[in-house]
Structure formats: C-alpha cells, structure tokens
Amino acid sequence: MGNGAMPRIATVLAALSLGVVVGAVLGLTGAGGGILAVPALVVGLGWSMQQAAPVALIAVAGGAAVGAIEGFRRRLVRYRAAILMAATGIPVTFIGIRLAHSVSQRVLLAAFAVVMLVVGARLLWQSFRPSSPSAQSDHVVGHVDLATGRLVWNASTALLLTGVGALTGLMTGLLGVGGGFVIVPLLRRFTDITMHGIVATSLLVIAIVGIGGVFSAVLSGATLPLEATFLFSAATAAGMLVGRWASRRLSAGQVQLGFAAVVLAVAVELAVKAATL
C-alpha cells in the first residue's frame, strides 16, 4: 500500500463517521445537524470555513430532504409555511455568502463559536427549566385551527415566517448551517404547532434553503471536493434515518441535554482554534 493511501483512507473514514454523526443529530433534533456539520469538517478534516460551508450545506440539505420526505408521509410538514420561509431565505443567502468572503477565517470561526455557545447555553437552560405552557401562549402569533388542524394565516403569521426565513437564509450563507437552530426554537416560541410538526417543517426548509445556498456558493466561486462531498453527504443521509428512528424512542429531554453538551464542547473547540490562528 502506497504512502499516499493511508491519508486518503483516513480522510474517507473521517468523512463517513462525521457524516453519520451529523445526520443522526439532525434526525434527532431537526436543528442540530447543520450547526455541527461545519465544525465537524473544520476540526475533523482540517478544512477552512469557506471550504467546509458548501460541502456541509449539500450534506445537511440532502439529509434534511430524507427527513422531510418521512415527515410528508406522516402528514407532519406545514408545507405552506415552509415554502414561505424558504422563498424568503434563499435570496438572503447571497448576502450571507458575500459577508463570509469579506471577513477572515479567524472572525468566521469566532462568530460560529459564539453562535454555538448561545445555542448550547439556551438548550442547557431549557433542559433544567420547568416547562410553562401558559408562558408560551402569551407569545403565540401563529395559531393552529383546532377544527381543521391547519395554520391560521394572517399578517402576523406571515410576518413571523418571513422573518424566520430571512434569518435562516443569512445564517445559511454566512456560516454554512442549515438554520434549524433558528427555525425550531422560534416556531416553538411563537406558534402552537406540535414539536413533531415543527421538526418536520424545519427539515423541509433546511433542504430547500440549503440547496439554494449551495447554488449561491458555487456561483460565488466555491469549489467542491467531489469524493469527500459524496461520502459525507451519503453518510449524513444514512445517519438521518438512524436519528429519525431513535427520535421516536428517546425522550425530548434526553436528546436536548445531550445535544446541548455536544454543542458547548464543539463551541469551545472552535473558540480555541480561532484564538490560535
């Protein structure tokens, strides 16, 4: 076996294992895989943020599409809400990509670390905070009609979904994340859609906006390493199926607590990497 074979084998194994983990987390949470995909490639394969972002988007969008198809089969996807969020988010990805190419690697890593610290701390706080259904009802603007089971459409609902979509697009372009960590908590906070419905809807938005983000990145000059992209994406899709299966057997509290710990650990790793560049 040649000397060049071992590094290649190591890269293949790393891409496969990282993809399975990212897909499983995405399947479990509907939000977490995207925020872990870029750090996995940056830390696991030694890529830059600019290299990792489009590959992560392809993998996360593909994995999310697998989960969204399952959500459609189970009639959980709020497809009108998803289409509005995606239609708003895709154009904003161009702005995020331009910003990403205008700042240094250190700044991008630091920004990603801050986002992950905020997300991880929030999830950890929610894990230990007693639930308060009445508190949520005071903030709900997107209501589900109990008679029809459909979302009630009005100006407030449309404005909420448009804002969520725009923020998702910005994070997708800037950091190469799917945006589920934006969609899921905001829809939980401001709508009374069930959690399973929120996750399924989030996965559809991630798939559509992620694909749009990939095209935006390619048009902006990004190049994709084909082998690593294919392996990481295929492993992410496989991990997604495992995660969706496991999500029906684990409690939401267990998933959230474990995910919060992983996010905080990765955030610290990224912060150290940014400080030592």
C-alpha atoms as a PDB file:
ATOM      1  CA  MET A   1       0.000   0.000   0.000  1.00  0.00           C
ATOM      2  CA  GLY A   2       1.500   3.374  -1.056  1.00  0.00           C
ATOM      3  CA  ASN A   3       2.274   6.139   1.382  1.00  0.00           C
ATOM      4  CA  GLY A   4      -0.490   8.272  -0.097  1.00  0.00           C
ATOM      5  CA  ALA A   5      -3.136   5.601   0.511  1.00  0.00           C
ATOM      6  CA  MET A   6      -3.216   5.905   4.297  1.00  0.00           C
ATOM      7  CA  PRO A   7      -4.063   9.634   4.413  1.00  0.00           C
ATOM      8  CA  ARG A   8      -6.764   9.033   1.800  1.00  0.00           C
ATOM      9  CA  ILE A   9      -8.240   6.133   3.779  1.00  0.00           C
ATOM     10  CA  ALA A  10      -8.169   8.258   6.928  1.00  0.00           C
ATOM     11  CA  THR A  11      -9.991  11.052   5.094  1.00  0.00           C
ATOM     12  CA  VAL A  12     -12.626   8.630   3.791  1.00  0.00           C
ATOM     13  CA  LEU A  13     -13.232   7.128   7.233  1.00  0.00           C
ATOM     14  CA  ALA A  14     -13.380  10.565   8.836  1.00  0.00           C
ATOM     15  CA  ALA A  15     -15.877  11.841   6.236  1.00  0.00           C
ATOM     16  CA  LEU A  16     -18.097   8.776   6.713  1.00  0.00           C
ATOM     17  CA  SER A  17     -18.047   8.791  10.515  1.00  0.00           C
ATOM     18  CA  LEU A  18     -18.564  12.551  10.786  1.00  0.00           C
ATOM     19  CA  GLY A  19     -21.431  12.385   8.294  1.00  0.00           C
ATOM     20  CA  VAL A  20     -23.231   9.656  10.245  1.00  0.00           C
ATOM     21  CA  VAL A  21     -22.963  11.655  13.482  1.00  0.00           C
ATOM     22  CA  VAL A  22     -24.177  14.879  11.866  1.00  0.00           C
ATOM     23  CA  GLY A  23     -27.093  13.096  10.180  1.00  0.00           C
ATOM     24  CA  ALA A  24     -28.121  11.340  13.388  1.00  0.00           C
ATOM     25  CA  VAL A  25     -28.185  14.621  15.306  1.00  0.00           C
ATOM     26  CA  LEU A  26     -30.164  16.280  12.506  1.00  0.00           C
ATOM     27  CA  GLY A  27     -32.663  13.424  12.582  1.00  0.00           C
ATOM     28  CA  LEU A  28     -32.995  13.546  16.346  1.00  0.00           C
ATOM     29  CA  THR A  29     -33.442  17.294  16.721  1.00  0.00           C
ATOM     30  CA  GLY A  30     -34.389  18.744  13.353  1.00  0.00           C
ATOM     31  CA  ALA A  31     -31.982  21.529  14.212  1.00  0.00           C
ATOM     32  CA  GLY A  32     -28.635  20.303  15.369  1.00  0.00           C
ATOM     33  CA  GLY A  33     -27.006  18.621  12.406  1.00  0.00           C
ATOM     34  CA  GLY A  34     -26.487  21.817  10.469  1.00  0.00           C
ATOM     35  CA  ILE A  35     -24.735  23.609  13.267  1.00  0.00           C
ATOM     36  CA  LEU A  36     -22.398  20.639  13.778  1.00  0.00           C
ATOM     37  CA  ALA A  37     -21.612  19.922  10.110  1.00  0.00           C
ATOM     38  CA  VAL A  38     -19.204  22.812   9.521  1.00  0.00           C
ATOM     39  CA  PRO A  39     -17.273  22.313  12.803  1.00  0.00           C
ATOM     40  CA  ALA A  40     -17.053  18.589  12.015  1.00  0.00           C
ATOM     41  CA  LEU A  41     -15.345  19.334   8.690  1.00  0.00           C
ATOM     42  CA  VAL A  42     -13.179  22.157  10.072  1.00  0.00           C
ATOM     43  CA  VAL A  43     -11.940  20.183  13.077  1.00  0.00           C
ATOM     44  CA  GLY A  44     -12.175  16.638  11.673  1.00  0.00           C
ATOM     45  CA  LEU A  45     -10.699  17.263   8.214  1.00  0.00           C
ATOM     46  CA  GLY A  46      -8.775  20.471   8.814  1.00  0.00           C
ATOM     47  CA  TRP A  47     -10.698  22.499   6.223  1.00  0.00           C
ATOM     48  CA  SER A  48     -11.281  26.249   6.308  1.00  0.00           C
ATOM     49  CA  MET A  49     -14.762  27.628   6.993  1.00  0.00           C
ATOM     50  CA  GLN A  50     -15.058  28.714   3.365  1.00  0.00           C
ATOM     51  CA  GLN A  51     -14.185  25.181   2.162  1.00  0.00           C
ATOM     52  CA  ALA A  52     -16.445  23.435   4.664  1.00  0.00           C
ATOM     53  CA  ALA A  53     -19.591  25.556   4.275  1.00  0.00           C
ATOM     54  CA  PRO A  54     -20.815  24.429   0.812  1.00  0.00           C
ATOM     55  CA  VAL A  55     -19.983  20.761   1.473  1.00  0.00           C
ATOM     56  CA  ALA A  56     -21.813  20.924   4.798  1.00  0.00           C
ATOM     57  CA  LEU A  57     -24.809  22.520   3.089  1.00  0.00           C
ATOM     58  CA  ILE A  58     -25.009  19.741   0.486  1.00  0.00           C
ATOM     59  CA  ALA A  59     -24.861  17.069   3.180  1.00  0.00           C
ATOM     60  CA  VAL A  60     -27.312  18.752   5.519  1.00  0.00           C
ATOM     61  CA  ALA A  61     -29.750  19.628   2.720  1.00  0.00           C
ATOM     62  CA  GLY A  62     -29.686  16.026   1.484  1.00  0.00           C
ATOM     63  CA  GLY A  63     -30.141  14.597   4.952  1.00  0.00           C
ATOM     64  CA  ALA A  64     -32.914  17.087   5.705  1.00  0.00           C
ATOM     65  CA  ALA A  65     -34.693  16.130   2.467  1.00  0.00           C
ATOM     66  CA  VAL A  66     -34.729  12.489   3.598  1.00  0.00           C
ATOM     67  CA  GLY A  67     -36.275  13.531   6.916  1.00  0.00           C
ATOM     68  CA  ALA A  68     -38.770  15.868   5.213  1.00  0.00           C
ATOM     69  CA  ILE A  69     -39.993  13.047   2.951  1.00  0.00           C
ATOM     70  CA  GLU A  70     -40.671  10.973   6.045  1.00  0.00           C
ATOM     71  CA  GLY A  71     -42.478  13.984   7.557  1.00  0.00           C
ATOM     72  CA  PHE A  72     -44.691  14.238   4.459  1.00  0.00           C
ATOM     73  CA  ARG A  73     -45.558  10.541   4.765  1.00  0.00           C
ATOM     74  CA  ARG A  74     -46.648  11.143   8.353  1.00  0.00           C
ATOM     75  CA  ARG A  75     -48.531  14.357   7.408  1.00  0.00           C
ATOM     76  CA  LEU A  76     -46.434  16.482   9.747  1.00  0.00           C
ATOM     77  CA  VAL A  77     -44.975  19.061   7.342  1.00  0.00           C
ATOM     78  CA  ARG A  78     -46.530  22.541   7.248  1.00  0.00           C
ATOM     79  CA  TYR A  79     -45.555  22.933   3.615  1.00  0.00           C
ATOM     80  CA  ARG A  80     -47.090  26.387   3.024  1.00  0.00           C
ATOM     81  CA  ALA A  81     -45.153  27.795   5.976  1.00  0.00           C
ATOM     82  CA  ALA A  82     -42.010  26.020   4.784  1.00  0.00           C
ATOM     83  CA  ILE A  83     -42.329  27.405   1.253  1.00  0.00           C
ATOM     84  CA  LEU A  84     -42.747  30.976   2.561  1.00  0.00           C
ATOM     85  CA  MET A  85     -39.709  30.665   4.845  1.00  0.00           C
ATOM     86  CA  ALA A  86     -37.622  29.132   2.060  1.00  0.00           C
ATOM     87  CA  ALA A  87     -38.696  31.721  -0.522  1.00  0.00           C
ATOM     88  CA  THR A  88     -37.614  34.452   1.870  1.00  0.00           C
ATOM     89  CA  GLY A  89     -34.425  32.721   2.959  1.00  0.00           C
ATOM     90  CA  ILE A  90     -32.874  31.747  -0.384  1.00  0.00           C
ATOM     91  CA  PRO A  91     -32.246  35.316  -1.661  1.00  0.00           C
ATOM     92  CA  VAL A  92     -30.723  36.305   1.681  1.00  0.00           C
ATOM     93  CA  THR A  93     -28.123  33.526   1.411  1.00  0.00           C
ATOM     94  CA  PHE A  94     -26.327  35.666  -1.189  1.00  0.00           C
ATOM     95  CA  ILE A  95     -25.849  38.378   1.432  1.00  0.00           C
ATOM     96  CA  GLY A  96     -24.513  35.859   3.941  1.00  0.00           C
ATOM     97  CA  ILE A  97     -22.053  34.396   1.420  1.00  0.00           C
ATOM     98  CA  ARG A  98     -20.753  37.851   0.496  1.00  0.00           C
ATOM     99  CA  LEU A  99     -20.207  38.612   4.186  1.00  0.00           C
ATOM    100  CA  ALA A 100     -18.426  35.273   4.698  1.00  0.00           C
ATOM    101  CA  HIS A 101     -15.944  36.033   1.915  1.00  0.00           C
ATOM    102  CA  SER A 102     -15.289  39.550   3.193  1.00  0.00           C
ATOM    103  CA  VAL A 103     -14.033  38.554   6.668  1.00  0.00           C
ATOM    104  CA  SER A 104     -11.087  36.488   7.871  1.00  0.00           C
ATOM    105  CA  GLN A 105     -11.070  32.831   8.858  1.00  0.00           C
ATOM    106  CA  ARG A 106     -10.472  33.804  12.499  1.00  0.00           C
ATOM    107  CA  VAL A 107     -13.517  36.092  12.556  1.00  0.00           C
ATOM    108  CA  LEU A 108     -15.739  33.415  10.989  1.00  0.00           C
ATOM    109  CA  LEU A 109     -14.584  30.763  13.461  1.00  0.00           C
ATOM    110  CA  ALA A 110     -15.101  33.140  16.379  1.00  0.00           C
ATOM    111  CA  ALA A 111     -18.577  34.072  15.116  1.00  0.00           C
ATOM    112  CA  PHE A 112     -19.504  30.410  14.744  1.00  0.00           C
ATOM    113  CA  ALA A 113     -18.196  29.672  18.248  1.00  0.00           C
ATOM    114  CA  VAL A 114     -20.323  32.488  19.682  1.00  0.00           C
ATOM    115  CA  VAL A 115     -23.444  31.238  17.885  1.00  0.00           C
ATOM    116  CA  MET A 116     -22.843  27.715  19.176  1.00  0.00           C
ATOM    117  CA  LEU A 117     -22.243  28.943  22.728  1.00  0.00           C
ATOM    118  CA  VAL A 118     -25.541  30.852  22.658  1.00  0.00           C
ATOM    119  CA  VAL A 119     -27.454  27.880  21.226  1.00  0.00           C
ATOM    120  CA  GLY A 120     -25.842  25.395  23.634  1.00  0.00           C
ATOM    121  CA  ALA A 121     -26.398  27.582  26.698  1.00  0.00           C
ATOM    122  CA  ARG A 122     -30.015  28.159  25.736  1.00  0.00           C
ATOM    123  CA  LEU A 123     -30.672  24.452  25.259  1.00  0.00           C
ATOM    124  CA  LEU A 124     -28.966  23.643  28.553  1.00  0.00           C
ATOM    125  CA  TRP A 125     -31.033  26.269  30.363  1.00  0.00           C
ATOM    126  CA  GLN A 126     -34.254  24.923  28.847  1.00  0.00           C
ATOM    127  CA  SER A 127     -33.326  21.369  29.874  1.00  0.00           C
ATOM    128  CA  PHE A 128     -33.301  22.304  33.545  1.00  0.00           C
ATOM    129  CA  ARG A 129     -36.117  24.838  33.433  1.00  0.00           C
ATOM    130  CA  PRO A 130     -39.597  23.566  34.291  1.00  0.00           C
ATOM    131  CA  SER A 131     -41.971  23.779  31.353  1.00  0.00           C
ATOM    132  CA  SER A 132     -44.564  26.529  31.426  1.00  0.00           C
ATOM    133  CA  PRO A 133     -47.277  26.117  28.793  1.00  0.00           C
ATOM    134  CA  SER A 134     -49.088  29.280  29.866  1.00  0.00           C
ATOM    135  CA  ALA A 135     -45.968  31.359  29.306  1.00  0.00           C
ATOM    136  CA  GLN A 136     -45.764  30.170  25.721  1.00  0.00           C
ATOM    137  CA  SER A 137     -49.388  31.052  24.948  1.00  0.00           C
ATOM    138  CA  ASP A 138     -48.732  34.729  25.729  1.00  0.00           C
ATOM    139  CA  HIS A 139     -46.299  34.940  22.800  1.00  0.00           C
ATOM    140  CA  VAL A 140     -48.016  32.776  20.164  1.00  0.00           C
ATOM    141  CA  VAL A 141     -48.863  34.618  16.947  1.00  0.00           C
ATOM    142  CA  GLY A 142     -49.109  31.595  14.643  1.00  0.00           C
ATOM    143  CA  HIS A 143     -52.143  29.571  15.716  1.00  0.00           C
ATOM    144  CA  VAL A 144     -53.345  26.202  14.517  1.00  0.00           C
ATOM    145  CA  ASP A 145     -57.095  25.952  13.949  1.00  0.00           C
ATOM    146  CA  LEU A 146     -58.270  23.103  16.156  1.00  0.00           C
ATOM    147  CA  ALA A 147     -61.185  22.361  13.847  1.00  0.00           C
ATOM    148  CA  THR A 148     -59.144  21.988  10.656  1.00  0.00           C
ATOM    149  CA  GLY A 149     -55.674  21.294  12.045  1.00  0.00           C
ATOM    150  CA  ARG A 150     -54.276  23.938   9.691  1.00  0.00           C
ATOM    151  CA  LEU A 151     -52.237  27.039  10.441  1.00  0.00           C
ATOM    152  CA  VAL A 152     -54.336  30.199  10.573  1.00  0.00           C
ATOM    153  CA  TRP A 153     -52.903  32.642   8.040  1.00  0.00           C
ATOM    154  CA  ASN A 154     -52.902  36.364   8.810  1.00  0.00           C
ATOM    155  CA  ALA A 155     -50.457  39.291   8.649  1.00  0.00           C
ATOM    156  CA  SER A 156     -48.774  38.387  11.943  1.00  0.00           C
ATOM    157  CA  THR A 157     -48.205  34.772  10.912  1.00  0.00           C
ATOM    158  CA  ALA A 158     -46.820  35.793   7.516  1.00  0.00           C
ATOM    159  CA  LEU A 159     -44.500  38.393   9.101  1.00  0.00           C
ATOM    160  CA  LEU A 160     -43.222  35.853  11.633  1.00  0.00           C
ATOM    161  CA  LEU A 161     -42.459  33.233   8.983  1.00  0.00           C
ATOM    162  CA  THR A 162     -40.861  35.792   6.671  1.00  0.00           C
ATOM    163  CA  GLY A 163     -38.541  36.959   9.466  1.00  0.00           C
ATOM    164  CA  VAL A 164     -37.615  33.399  10.409  1.00  0.00           C
ATOM    165  CA  GLY A 165     -36.893  32.604   6.758  1.00  0.00           C
ATOM    166  CA  ALA A 166     -34.691  35.678   6.296  1.00  0.00           C
ATOM    167  CA  LEU A 167     -32.654  34.919   9.420  1.00  0.00           C
ATOM    168  CA  THR A 168     -32.301  31.301   8.303  1.00  0.00           C
ATOM    169  CA  GLY A 169     -31.001  32.399   4.901  1.00  0.00           C
ATOM    170  CA  LEU A 170     -28.478  34.775   6.463  1.00  0.00           C
ATOM    171  CA  MET A 171     -27.082  32.085   8.771  1.00  0.00           C
ATOM    172  CA  THR A 172     -27.028  29.593   5.884  1.00  0.00           C
ATOM    173  CA  GLY A 173     -24.947  31.867   3.694  1.00  0.00           C
ATOM    174  CA  LEU A 174     -22.684  33.267   6.398  1.00  0.00           C
ATOM    175  CA  LEU A 175     -21.879  30.133   8.391  1.00  0.00           C
ATOM    176  CA  GLY A 176     -22.913  27.252   6.136  1.00  0.00           C
ATOM    177  CA  VAL A 177     -25.502  25.950   8.581  1.00  0.00           C
ATOM    178  CA  GLY A 178     -28.957  24.650   7.792  1.00  0.00           C
ATOM    179  CA  GLY A 179     -30.704  27.124  10.066  1.00  0.00           C
ATOM    180  CA  GLY A 180     -32.727  24.617  12.060  1.00  0.00           C
ATOM    181  CA  PHE A 181     -31.307  26.051  15.273  1.00  0.00           C
ATOM    182  CA  VAL A 182     -33.125  29.275  14.280  1.00  0.00           C
ATOM    183  CA  ILE A 183     -36.336  27.738  12.945  1.00  0.00           C
ATOM    184  CA  VAL A 184     -37.118  25.240  15.703  1.00  0.00           C
ATOM    185  CA  PRO A 185     -36.860  27.499  18.783  1.00  0.00           C
ATOM    186  CA  LEU A 186     -38.652  30.414  17.087  1.00  0.00           C
ATOM    187  CA  LEU A 187     -41.552  28.263  15.891  1.00  0.00           C
ATOM    188  CA  ARG A 188     -41.761  26.652  19.344  1.00  0.00           C
ATOM    189  CA  ARG A 189     -41.869  30.092  20.915  1.00  0.00           C
ATOM    190  CA  PHE A 190     -44.269  31.869  18.585  1.00  0.00           C
ATOM    191  CA  THR A 191     -46.568  29.139  17.216  1.00  0.00           C
ATOM    192  CA  ASP A 192     -48.591  26.303  18.712  1.00  0.00           C
ATOM    193  CA  ILE A 193     -47.561  23.778  16.046  1.00  0.00           C
ATOM    194  CA  THR A 194     -46.653  20.441  17.628  1.00  0.00           C
ATOM    195  CA  MET A 195     -42.968  19.713  18.150  1.00  0.00           C
ATOM    196  CA  HIS A 196     -43.041  16.854  15.622  1.00  0.00           C
ATOM    197  CA  GLY A 197     -44.620  19.215  13.090  1.00  0.00           C
ATOM    198  CA  ILE A 198     -42.009  21.895  13.774  1.00  0.00           C
ATOM    199  CA  VAL A 199     -39.140  19.449  13.271  1.00  0.00           C
ATOM    200  CA  ALA A 200     -40.603  18.090  10.023  1.00  0.00           C
ATOM    201  CA  THR A 201     -41.277  21.601   8.704  1.00  0.00           C
ATOM    202  CA  SER A 202     -37.790  22.716   9.740  1.00  0.00           C
ATOM    203  CA  LEU A 203     -36.258  19.840   7.779  1.00  0.00           C
ATOM    204  CA  LEU A 204     -38.086  20.874   4.597  1.00  0.00           C
ATOM    205  CA  VAL A 205     -36.929  24.498   4.969  1.00  0.00           C
ATOM    206  CA  ILE A 206     -33.350  23.339   5.627  1.00  0.00           C
ATOM    207  CA  ALA A 207     -33.440  21.183   2.490  1.00  0.00           C
ATOM    208  CA  ILE A 208     -34.738  23.960   0.213  1.00  0.00           C
ATOM    209  CA  VAL A 209     -32.643  26.816   1.626  1.00  0.00           C
ATOM    210  CA  GLY A 210     -29.575  24.573   1.813  1.00  0.00           C
ATOM    211  CA  ILE A 211     -29.831  23.697  -1.886  1.00  0.00           C
ATOM    212  CA  GLY A 212     -30.261  27.386  -2.674  1.00  0.00           C
ATOM    213  CA  GLY A 213     -27.222  28.156  -0.534  1.00  0.00           C
ATOM    214  CA  VAL A 214     -25.118  25.612  -2.427  1.00  0.00           C
ATOM    215  CA  PHE A 215     -26.007  27.195  -5.783  1.00  0.00           C
ATOM    216  CA  SER A 216     -25.240  30.622  -4.327  1.00  0.00           C
ATOM    217  CA  ALA A 217     -21.844  29.402  -3.095  1.00  0.00           C
ATOM    218  CA  VAL A 218     -20.954  27.818  -6.440  1.00  0.00           C
ATOM    219  CA  LEU A 219     -21.957  30.984  -8.303  1.00  0.00           C
ATOM    220  CA  SER A 220     -19.716  32.903  -5.896  1.00  0.00           C
ATOM    221  CA  GLY A 221     -16.729  30.748  -6.878  1.00  0.00           C
ATOM    222  CA  ALA A 222     -16.752  27.904  -4.329  1.00  0.00           C
ATOM    223  CA  THR A 223     -15.210  24.585  -5.414  1.00  0.00           C
ATOM    224  CA  LEU A 224     -16.368  21.215  -4.090  1.00  0.00           C
ATOM    225  CA  PRO A 225     -14.076  18.192  -3.450  1.00  0.00           C
ATOM    226  CA  LEU A 226     -16.311  15.607  -5.112  1.00  0.00           C
ATOM    227  CA  GLU A 227     -15.264  12.439  -3.254  1.00  0.00           C
ATOM    228  CA  ALA A 228     -15.404  13.937   0.228  1.00  0.00           C
ATOM    229  CA  THR A 229     -18.669  15.717  -0.602  1.00  0.00           C
ATOM    230  CA  PHE A 230     -20.305  12.492  -1.822  1.00  0.00           C
ATOM    231  CA  LEU A 231     -19.106  10.407   1.134  1.00  0.00           C
ATOM    232  CA  PHE A 232     -20.035  12.981   3.756  1.00  0.00           C
ATOM    233  CA  SER A 233     -23.463  13.550   2.156  1.00  0.00           C
ATOM    234  CA  ALA A 234     -24.278   9.837   1.833  1.00  0.00           C
ATOM    235  CA  ALA A 235     -23.237   9.201   5.427  1.00  0.00           C
ATOM    236  CA  THR A 236     -25.332  12.167   6.607  1.00  0.00           C
ATOM    237  CA  ALA A 237     -28.426  10.786   4.835  1.00  0.00           C
ATOM    238  CA  ALA A 238     -27.844   7.374   6.455  1.00  0.00           C
ATOM    239  CA  GLY A 239     -27.348   8.989   9.848  1.00  0.00           C
ATOM    240  CA  MET A 240     -30.574  10.957   9.353  1.00  0.00           C
ATOM    241  CA  LEU A 241     -32.561   7.709   9.049  1.00  0.00           C
ATOM    242  CA  VAL A 242     -30.947   6.398  12.237  1.00  0.00           C
ATOM    243  CA  GLY A 243     -31.691   9.661  14.038  1.00  0.00           C
ATOM    244  CA  ARG A 244     -35.339   9.751  12.965  1.00  0.00           C
ATOM    245  CA  TRP A 245     -35.746   6.140  14.154  1.00  0.00           C
ATOM    246  CA  ALA A 246     -34.115   6.935  17.501  1.00  0.00           C
ATOM    247  CA  SER A 247     -36.160  10.128  17.956  1.00  0.00           C
ATOM    248  CA  ARG A 248     -39.283   8.021  18.452  1.00  0.00           C
ATOM    249  CA  ARG A 249     -37.587   6.062  21.266  1.00  0.00           C
ATOM    250  CA  LEU A 250     -35.798   8.758  23.275  1.00  0.00           C
ATOM    251  CA  SER A 251     -37.351  11.480  25.385  1.00  0.00           C
ATOM    252  CA  ALA A 252     -37.065  15.091  24.200  1.00  0.00           C
ATOM    253  CA  GLY A 253     -35.282  15.984  27.442  1.00  0.00           C
ATOM    254  CA  GLN A 254     -32.572  13.373  26.933  1.00  0.00           C
ATOM    255  CA  VAL A 255     -31.957  14.484  23.351  1.00  0.00           C
ATOM    256  CA  GLN A 256     -31.849  18.170  24.244  1.00  0.00           C
ATOM    257  CA  LEU A 257     -29.467  17.726  27.173  1.00  0.00           C
ATOM    258  CA  GLY A 258     -27.065  15.556  25.195  1.00  0.00           C
ATOM    259  CA  PHE A 259     -27.142  17.886  22.219  1.00  0.00           C
ATOM    260  CA  ALA A 260     -26.505  20.942  24.419  1.00  0.00           C
ATOM    261  CA  ALA A 261     -23.402  19.294  25.873  1.00  0.00           C
ATOM    262  CA  VAL A 262     -22.060  18.441  22.400  1.00  0.00           C
ATOM    263  CA  VAL A 263     -22.709  21.958  21.070  1.00  0.00           C
ATOM    264  CA  LEU A 264     -20.934  23.602  24.017  1.00  0.00           C
ATOM    265  CA  ALA A 265     -17.938  21.280  23.693  1.00  0.00           C
ATOM    266  CA  VAL A 266     -17.606  22.000  19.964  1.00  0.00           C
ATOM    267  CA  ALA A 267     -18.008  25.740  20.591  1.00  0.00           C
ATOM    268  CA  VAL A 268     -15.058  25.690  22.982  1.00  0.00           C
ATOM    269  CA  GLU A 269     -13.003  23.766  20.425  1.00  0.00           C
ATOM    270  CA  LEU A 270     -13.771  26.317  17.716  1.00  0.00           C
ATOM    271  CA  ALA A 271     -13.001  29.239  20.043  1.00  0.00           C
ATOM    272  CA  VAL A 272      -9.593  27.726  20.854  1.00  0.00           C
ATOM    273  CA  LYS A 273      -8.927  27.150  17.137  1.00  0.00           C
ATOM    274  CA  ALA A 274      -9.850  30.756  16.327  1.00  0.00           C
ATOM    275  CA  ALA A 275      -7.604  32.089  19.111  1.00  0.00           C
ATOM    276  CA  THR A 276      -4.600  30.092  17.911  1.00  0.00           C
ATOM    277  CA  LEU A 277      -4.791  31.009  14.191  1.00  0.00           C
END
